[in-house]
């Protein structure tokens, strides 16, 4: 099991990877959404925001408005790190039940194009 700090580092890496996506692709497929990543084995949730300019850094502080995230990811710590490092395929992880994404169908299609 990975630590909370290792998960934080993986999410920092994910934000950097997202910033590498071509601006035109982001503009075409991204709509502003709040995002949460629940690491179930560590019982910690990270919160971020997806927008045309990129992906904001994740924090453990919930949004000030108190609204639930529009895109919710649930994953165990080791799988989070493997996913960000490219060692775990998102589609296979979803089909295998290792990753759960709670989002609208449209958001899922948009995210698929970006990941």
Foldseek 3Di string as FASTA:
>chain_A
DDDPVLLLVLQVLVQVVQQPPDLVLLVVQDDKWKEWEQAPVHRAIWIWIQHSNTIGRTDRDDDPVPDDTQKYKYAHRVVSNCVSVVNDDPVVCVVVVRMDIDHDPSNVVSVVSSD
